[in-house]
Amino acid sequence: MSRLIRVRVHPRASRDRVEPAADGGFDIWTTAAPDRGAANEAVRRLLAKTLRVSAGSITLKRGATSRIKLFEVA
């Protein structure tokens, strides 16, 4: 069973950090720059670490160029 998770991304932060949001999603700060998908990949790995699943089981479904993203966790 898969589920969708809403994430608000804060790129170029001073450190990596993940906090739960009021809507059940996450606010994620990453040191990666939003250049050629680097921030998306960093967010995917941080989300996987937080949820204790493999990074390969998380897919970006919507928002590749937006700060609000929708990830699917398989």
PDB file of N, CA and C in Angstrom:
ATOM      1  N   MET A   1       0.841  -1.176   0.000  1.00  0.00           N
ATOM      2  CA  MET A   1       0.000   0.000   0.000  1.00  0.00           C
ATOM      3  C   MET A   1       0.890   1.244   0.000  1.00  0.00           C
ATOM      4  N   SER A   2       0.593   2.182  -0.869  1.00  0.00           N
ATOM      5  CA  SER A   2       1.393   3.400  -0.929  1.00  0.00           C
ATOM      6  C   SER A   2       0.605   4.570  -0.352  1.00  0.00           C
ATOM      7  N   ARG A   3       1.346   5.594   0.042  1.00  0.00           N
ATOM      8  CA  ARG A   3       0.684   6.796   0.552  1.00  0.00           C
ATOM      9  C   ARG A   3       1.385   8.023  -0.013  1.00  0.00           C
ATOM     10  N   LEU A   4       0.654   9.113  -0.077  1.00  0.00           N
ATOM     11  CA  LEU A   4       1.178  10.373  -0.586  1.00  0.00           C
ATOM     12  C   LEU A   4       1.503  11.298   0.586  1.00  0.00           C
ATOM     13  N   ILE A   5       2.640  11.968   0.484  1.00  0.00           N
ATOM     14  CA  ILE A   5       3.079  12.863   1.549  1.00  0.00           C
ATOM     15  C   ILE A   5       3.414  14.226   0.947  1.00  0.00           C
ATOM     16  N   ARG A   6       2.837  15.278   1.528  1.00  0.00           N
ATOM     17  CA  ARG A   6       3.095  16.650   1.099  1.00  0.00           C
ATOM     18  C   ARG A   6       4.325  17.166   1.836  1.00  0.00           C
ATOM     19  N   VAL A   7       5.220  17.797   1.079  1.00  0.00           N
ATOM     20  CA  VAL A   7       6.462  18.304   1.645  1.00  0.00           C
ATOM     21  C   VAL A   7       6.662  19.744   1.195  1.00  0.00           C
ATOM     22  N   ARG A   8       7.025  20.606   2.127  1.00  0.00           N
ATOM     23  CA  ARG A   8       7.422  21.978   1.785  1.00  0.00           C
ATOM     24  C   ARG A   8       8.935  22.037   1.959  1.00  0.00           C
ATOM     25  N   VAL A   9       9.627  22.421   0.902  1.00  0.00           N
ATOM     26  CA  VAL A   9      11.090  22.385   0.870  1.00  0.00           C
ATOM     27  C   VAL A   9      11.669  23.784   1.069  1.00  0.00           C
ATOM     28  N   HIS A  10      12.736  23.837   1.852  1.00  0.00           N
ATOM     29  CA  HIS A  10      13.487  25.067   2.088  1.00  0.00           C
ATOM     30  C   HIS A  10      14.932  24.796   1.662  1.00  0.00           C
ATOM     31  N   PRO A  11      15.274  25.042   0.379  1.00  0.00           N
ATOM     32  CA  PRO A  11      16.636  24.757  -0.091  1.00  0.00           C
ATOM     33  C   PRO A  11      17.646  25.777   0.414  1.00  0.00           C
ATOM     34  N   ARG A  12      18.912  25.417   0.297  1.00  0.00           N
ATOM     35  CA  ARG A  12      20.040  26.263   0.706  1.00  0.00           C
ATOM     36  C   ARG A  12      19.962  26.682   2.173  1.00  0.00           C
ATOM     37  N   ALA A  13      19.518  25.783   3.008  1.00  0.00           N
ATOM     38  CA  ALA A  13      19.456  26.049   4.446  1.00  0.00           C
ATOM     39  C   ALA A  13      20.853  25.877   5.049  1.00  0.00           C
ATOM     40  N   SER A  14      21.015  26.313   6.266  1.00  0.00           N
ATOM     41  CA  SER A  14      22.320  26.190   6.917  1.00  0.00           C
ATOM     42  C   SER A  14      22.597  24.755   7.370  1.00  0.00           C
ATOM     43  N   ARG A  15      21.534  23.973   7.553  1.00  0.00           N
ATOM     44  CA  ARG A  15      21.706  22.553   7.918  1.00  0.00           C
ATOM     45  C   ARG A  15      20.475  21.775   7.484  1.00  0.00           C
ATOM     46  N   ASP A  16      20.623  20.453   7.385  1.00  0.00           N
ATOM     47  CA  ASP A  16      19.497  19.588   7.038  1.00  0.00           C
ATOM     48  C   ASP A  16      18.616  19.390   8.257  1.00  0.00           C
ATOM     49  N   ARG A  17      17.294  19.509   8.046  1.00  0.00           N
ATOM     50  CA  ARG A  17      16.352  19.367   9.169  1.00  0.00           C
ATOM     51  C   ARG A  17      14.999  18.946   8.621  1.00  0.00           C
ATOM     52  N   VAL A  18      14.294  18.104   9.365  1.00  0.00           N
ATOM     53  CA  VAL A  18      12.949  17.658   9.003  1.00  0.00           C
ATOM     54  C   VAL A  18      12.032  17.883  10.191  1.00  0.00           C
ATOM     55  N   GLU A  19      10.898  18.542   9.932  1.00  0.00           N
ATOM     56  CA  GLU A  19       9.907  18.765  10.988  1.00  0.00           C
ATOM     57  C   GLU A  19       8.529  18.390  10.468  1.00  0.00           C
ATOM     58  N   PRO A  20       7.708  17.779  11.306  1.00  0.00           N
ATOM     59  CA  PRO A  20       6.336  17.475  10.887  1.00  0.00           C
ATOM     60  C   PRO A  20       5.524  18.762  10.735  1.00  0.00           C
ATOM     61  N   ALA A  21       4.636  18.768   9.754  1.00  0.00           N
ATOM     62  CA  ALA A  21       3.759  19.916   9.517  1.00  0.00           C
ATOM     63  C   ALA A  21       2.380  19.622  10.096  1.00  0.00           C
ATOM     64  N   ALA A  22       1.590  20.646  10.265  1.00  0.00           N
ATOM     65  CA  ALA A  22       0.259  20.505  10.859  1.00  0.00           C
ATOM     66  C   ALA A  22      -0.675  19.664   9.991  1.00  0.00           C
ATOM     67  N   ASP A  23      -0.451  19.644   8.677  1.00  0.00           N
ATOM     68  CA  ASP A  23      -1.340  18.910   7.773  1.00  0.00           C
ATOM     69  C   ASP A  23      -0.952  17.446   7.605  1.00  0.00           C
ATOM     70  N   GLY A  24       0.008  16.965   8.376  1.00  0.00           N
ATOM     71  CA  GLY A  24       0.427  15.573   8.276  1.00  0.00           C
ATOM     72  C   GLY A  24       1.617  15.375   7.361  1.00  0.00           C
ATOM     73  N   GLY A  25       2.044  16.408   6.682  1.00  0.00           N
ATOM     74  CA  GLY A  25       3.215  16.341   5.812  1.00  0.00           C
ATOM     75  C   GLY A  25       4.466  16.723   6.574  1.00  0.00           C
ATOM     76  N   PHE A  26       5.445  17.244   5.850  1.00  0.00           N
ATOM     77  CA  PHE A  26       6.708  17.618   6.470  1.00  0.00           C
ATOM     78  C   PHE A  26       7.207  18.930   5.893  1.00  0.00           C
ATOM     79  N   ASP A  27       7.934  19.681   6.715  1.00  0.00           N
ATOM     80  CA  ASP A  27       8.743  20.807   6.274  1.00  0.00           C
ATOM     81  C   ASP A  27      10.176  20.291   6.313  1.00  0.00           C
ATOM     82  N   ILE A  28      10.880  20.419   5.181  1.00  0.00           N
ATOM     83  CA  ILE A  28      12.240  19.893   5.101  1.00  0.00           C
ATOM     84  C   ILE A  28      13.183  20.998   4.662  1.00  0.00           C
ATOM     85  N   TRP A  29      14.216  21.215   5.458  1.00  0.00           N
ATOM     86  CA  TRP A  29      15.281  22.153   5.142  1.00  0.00           C
ATOM     87  C   TRP A  29      16.465  21.332   4.661  1.00  0.00           C
ATOM     88  N   THR A  30      17.055  21.736   3.536  1.00  0.00           N
ATOM     89  CA  THR A  30      18.212  21.026   3.009  1.00  0.00           C
ATOM     90  C   THR A  30      19.292  22.017   2.598  1.00  0.00           C
ATOM     91  N   THR A  31      20.533  21.608   2.751  1.00  0.00           N
ATOM     92  CA  THR A  31      21.655  22.458   2.358  1.00  0.00           C
ATOM     93  C   THR A  31      21.858  22.456   0.848  1.00  0.00           C
ATOM     94  N   ALA A  32      21.242  21.526   0.157  1.00  0.00           N
ATOM     95  CA  ALA A  32      21.405  21.410  -1.295  1.00  0.00           C
ATOM     96  C   ALA A  32      20.735  22.576  -2.020  1.00  0.00           C
ATOM     97  N   ALA A  33      21.335  22.969  -3.111  1.00  0.00           N
ATOM     98  CA  ALA A  33      20.771  24.032  -3.947  1.00  0.00           C
ATOM     99  C   ALA A  33      19.776  23.427  -4.932  1.00  0.00           C
ATOM    100  N   PRO A  34      18.767  24.198  -5.321  1.00  0.00           N
ATOM    101  CA  PRO A  34      17.790  23.679  -6.282  1.00  0.00           C
ATOM    102  C   PRO A  34      18.352  23.729  -7.701  1.00  0.00           C
ATOM    103  N   ASP A  35      19.398  22.974  -7.943  1.00  0.00           N
ATOM    104  CA  ASP A  35      20.082  22.976  -9.224  1.00  0.00           C
ATOM    105  C   ASP A  35      20.128  21.567  -9.787  1.00  0.00           C
ATOM    106  N   ARG A  36      19.507  21.366 -10.934  1.00  0.00           N
ATOM    107  CA  ARG A  36      19.482  20.069 -11.626  1.00  0.00           C
ATOM    108  C   ARG A  36      18.981  18.929 -10.750  1.00  0.00           C
ATOM    109  N   GLY A  37      18.015  19.203  -9.904  1.00  0.00           N
ATOM    110  CA  GLY A  37      17.401  18.158  -9.091  1.00  0.00           C
ATOM    111  C   GLY A  37      18.161  17.778  -7.839  1.00  0.00           C
ATOM    112  N   ALA A  38      19.207  18.508  -7.512  1.00  0.00           N
ATOM    113  CA  ALA A  38      20.004  18.167  -6.326  1.00  0.00           C
ATOM    114  C   ALA A  38      19.187  18.291  -5.049  1.00  0.00           C
ATOM    115  N   ALA A  39      18.392  19.343  -4.931  1.00  0.00           N
ATOM    116  CA  ALA A  39      17.567  19.521  -3.729  1.00  0.00           C
ATOM    117  C   ALA A  39      16.478  18.445  -3.667  1.00  0.00           C
ATOM    118  N   ASN A  40      15.894  18.091  -4.807  1.00  0.00           N
ATOM    119  CA  ASN A  40      14.870  17.038  -4.820  1.00  0.00           C
ATOM    120  C   ASN A  40      15.442  15.712  -4.333  1.00  0.00           C
ATOM    121  N   GLU A  41      16.636  15.383  -4.780  1.00  0.00           N
ATOM    122  CA  GLU A  41      17.280  14.138  -4.357  1.00  0.00           C
ATOM    123  C   GLU A  41      17.620  14.181  -2.871  1.00  0.00           C
ATOM    124  N   ALA A  42      18.105  15.316  -2.388  1.00  0.00           N
ATOM    125  CA  ALA A  42      18.435  15.453  -0.968  1.00  0.00           C
ATOM    126  C   ALA A  42      17.175  15.325  -0.117  1.00  0.00           C
ATOM    127  N   VAL A  43      16.081  15.924  -0.566  1.00  0.00           N
ATOM    128  CA  VAL A  43      14.813  15.837   0.169  1.00  0.00           C
ATOM    129  C   VAL A  43      14.303  14.405   0.180  1.00  0.00           C
ATOM    130  N   ARG A  44      14.430  13.724  -0.952  1.00  0.00           N
ATOM    131  CA  ARG A  44      13.983  12.315  -1.024  1.00  0.00           C
ATOM    132  C   ARG A  44      14.757  11.456  -0.023  1.00  0.00           C
ATOM    133  N   ARG A  45      16.056  11.667   0.070  1.00  0.00           N
ATOM    134  CA  ARG A  45      16.872  10.890   1.013  1.00  0.00           C
ATOM    135  C   ARG A  45      16.570  11.247   2.477  1.00  0.00           C
ATOM    136  N   LEU A  46      16.364  12.531   2.760  1.00  0.00           N
ATOM    137  CA  LEU A  46      16.004  12.945   4.127  1.00  0.00           C
ATOM    138  C   LEU A  46      14.645  12.375   4.528  1.00  0.00           C
ATOM    139  N   LEU A  47      13.706  12.390   3.601  1.00  0.00           N
ATOM    140  CA  LEU A  47      12.378  11.837   3.871  1.00  0.00           C
ATOM    141  C   LEU A  47      12.463  10.334   4.124  1.00  0.00           C
ATOM    142  N   ALA A  48      13.261   9.645   3.334  1.00  0.00           N
ATOM    143  CA  ALA A  48      13.448   8.197   3.521  1.00  0.00           C
ATOM    144  C   ALA A  48      14.054   7.899   4.883  1.00  0.00           C
ATOM    145  N   LYS A  49      15.040   8.690   5.285  1.00  0.00           N
ATOM    146  CA  LYS A  49      15.678   8.489   6.585  1.00  0.00           C
ATOM    147  C   LYS A  49      14.684   8.732   7.715  1.00  0.00           C
ATOM    148  N   THR A  50      13.860   9.772   7.574  1.00  0.00           N
ATOM    149  CA  THR A  50      12.875  10.106   8.599  1.00  0.00           C
ATOM    150  C   THR A  50      11.817   9.013   8.731  1.00  0.00           C
ATOM    151  N   LEU A  51      11.368   8.484   7.594  1.00  0.00           N
ATOM    152  CA  LEU A  51      10.321   7.459   7.599  1.00  0.00           C
ATOM    153  C   LEU A  51      10.865   6.049   7.782  1.00  0.00           C
ATOM    154  N   ARG A  52      12.192   5.936   7.788  1.00  0.00           N
ATOM    155  CA  ARG A  52      12.866   4.641   7.954  1.00  0.00           C
ATOM    156  C   ARG A  52      12.475   3.655   6.862  1.00  0.00           C
ATOM    157  N   VAL A  53      12.543   4.143   5.621  1.00  0.00           N
ATOM    158  CA  VAL A  53      12.326   3.300   4.443  1.00  0.00           C
ATOM    159  C   VAL A  53      13.489   3.547   3.486  1.00  0.00           C
ATOM    160  N   SER A  54      13.620   2.710   2.470  1.00  0.00           N
ATOM    161  CA  SER A  54      14.695   2.914   1.501  1.00  0.00           C
ATOM    162  C   SER A  54      14.365   4.097   0.596  1.00  0.00           C
ATOM    163  N   ALA A  55      15.382   4.795   0.165  1.00  0.00           N
ATOM    164  CA  ALA A  55      15.176   5.950  -0.711  1.00  0.00           C
ATOM    165  C   ALA A  55      14.550   5.523  -2.034  1.00  0.00           C
ATOM    166  N   GLY A  56      14.795   4.299  -2.448  1.00  0.00           N
ATOM    167  CA  GLY A  56      14.225   3.794  -3.689  1.00  0.00           C
ATOM    168  C   GLY A  56      12.722   3.604  -3.637  1.00  0.00           C
ATOM    169  N   SER A  57      12.163   3.540  -2.451  1.00  0.00           N
ATOM    170  CA  SER A  57      10.714   3.354  -2.322  1.00  0.00           C
ATOM    171  C   SER A  57       9.957   4.672  -2.314  1.00  0.00           C
ATOM    172  N   ILE A  58      10.671   5.793  -2.474  1.00  0.00           N
ATOM    173  CA  ILE A  58      10.039   7.112  -2.481  1.00  0.00           C
ATOM    174  C   ILE A  58      10.181   7.721  -3.870  1.00  0.00           C
ATOM    175  N   THR A  59       9.060   8.177  -4.412  1.00  0.00           N
ATOM    176  CA  THR A  59       9.026   8.750  -5.746  1.00  0.00           C
ATOM    177  C   THR A  59       8.406  10.141  -5.700  1.00  0.00           C
ATOM    178  N   LEU A  60       9.020  11.078  -6.403  1.00  0.00           N
ATOM    179  CA  LEU A  60       8.465  12.423  -6.529  1.00  0.00           C
ATOM    180  C   LEU A  60       7.339  12.369  -7.558  1.00  0.00           C
ATOM    181  N   LYS A  61       6.126  12.694  -7.133  1.00  0.00           N
ATOM    182  CA  LYS A  61       4.965  12.629  -8.020  1.00  0.00           C
ATOM    183  C   LYS A  61       4.612  13.984  -8.616  1.00  0.00           C
ATOM    184  N   ARG A  62       4.797  15.054  -7.856  1.00  0.00           N
ATOM    185  CA  ARG A  62       4.408  16.388  -8.322  1.00  0.00           C
ATOM    186  C   ARG A  62       5.278  17.439  -7.657  1.00  0.00           C
ATOM    187  N   GLY A  63       5.605  18.501  -8.404  1.00  0.00           N
ATOM    188  CA  GLY A  63       6.304  19.642  -7.825  1.00  0.00           C
ATOM    189  C   GLY A  63       7.803  19.637  -8.012  1.00  0.00           C
ATOM    190  N   ALA A  64       8.294  19.109  -9.113  1.00  0.00           N
ATOM    191  CA  ALA A  64       9.743  19.036  -9.338  1.00  0.00           C
ATOM    192  C   ALA A  64      10.413  20.404  -9.283  1.00  0.00           C
ATOM    193  N   THR A  65       9.707  21.461  -9.698  1.00  0.00           N
ATOM    194  CA  THR A  65      10.302  22.798  -9.691  1.00  0.00           C
ATOM    195  C   THR A  65       9.626  23.724  -8.687  1.00  0.00           C
ATOM    196  N   SER A  66       8.841  23.170  -7.787  1.00  0.00           N
ATOM    197  CA  SER A  66       8.105  23.951  -6.804  1.00  0.00           C
ATOM    198  C   SER A  66       8.619  23.655  -5.402  1.00  0.00           C
ATOM    199  N   ARG A  67       8.360  24.546  -4.468  1.00  0.00           N
ATOM    200  CA  ARG A  67       8.732  24.280  -3.073  1.00  0.00           C
ATOM    201  C   ARG A  67       7.772  23.306  -2.405  1.00  0.00           C
ATOM    202  N   ILE A  68       6.541  23.250  -2.900  1.00  0.00           N
ATOM    203  CA  ILE A  68       5.555  22.294  -2.387  1.00  0.00           C
ATOM    204  C   ILE A  68       5.622  21.056  -3.282  1.00  0.00           C
ATOM    205  N   LYS A  69       5.924  19.922  -2.701  1.00  0.00           N
ATOM    206  CA  LYS A  69       6.103  18.698  -3.463  1.00  0.00           C
ATOM    207  C   LYS A  69       5.201  17.598  -2.925  1.00  0.00           C
ATOM    208  N   LEU A  70       4.921  16.638  -3.776  1.00  0.00           N
ATOM    209  CA  LEU A  70       4.114  15.488  -3.379  1.00  0.00           C
ATOM    210  C   LEU A  70       4.936  14.237  -3.666  1.00  0.00           C
ATOM    211  N   PHE A  71       5.243  13.493  -2.619  1.00  0.00           N
ATOM    212  CA  PHE A  71       6.010  12.264  -2.742  1.00  0.00           C
ATOM    213  C   PHE A  71       5.095  11.070  -2.488  1.00  0.00           C
ATOM    214  N   GLU A  72       5.369   9.976  -3.209  1.00  0.00           N
ATOM    215  CA  GLU A  72       4.670   8.721  -2.975  1.00  0.00           C
ATOM    216  C   GLU A  72       5.622   7.754  -2.303  1.00  0.00           C
ATOM    217  N   VAL A  73       5.190   7.180  -1.201  1.00  0.00           N
ATOM    218  CA  VAL A  73       5.979   6.197  -0.472  1.00  0.00           C
ATOM    219  C   VAL A  73       5.347   4.840  -0.696  1.00  0.00           C
ATOM    220  N   ALA A  74       6.103   3.933  -1.307  1.00  0.00           N
ATOM    221  CA  ALA A  74       5.575   2.592  -1.619  1.00  0.00           C
ATOM    222  C   ALA A  74       5.678   1.681  -0.421  1.00  0.00           C
TER     223      ALA A  74
END
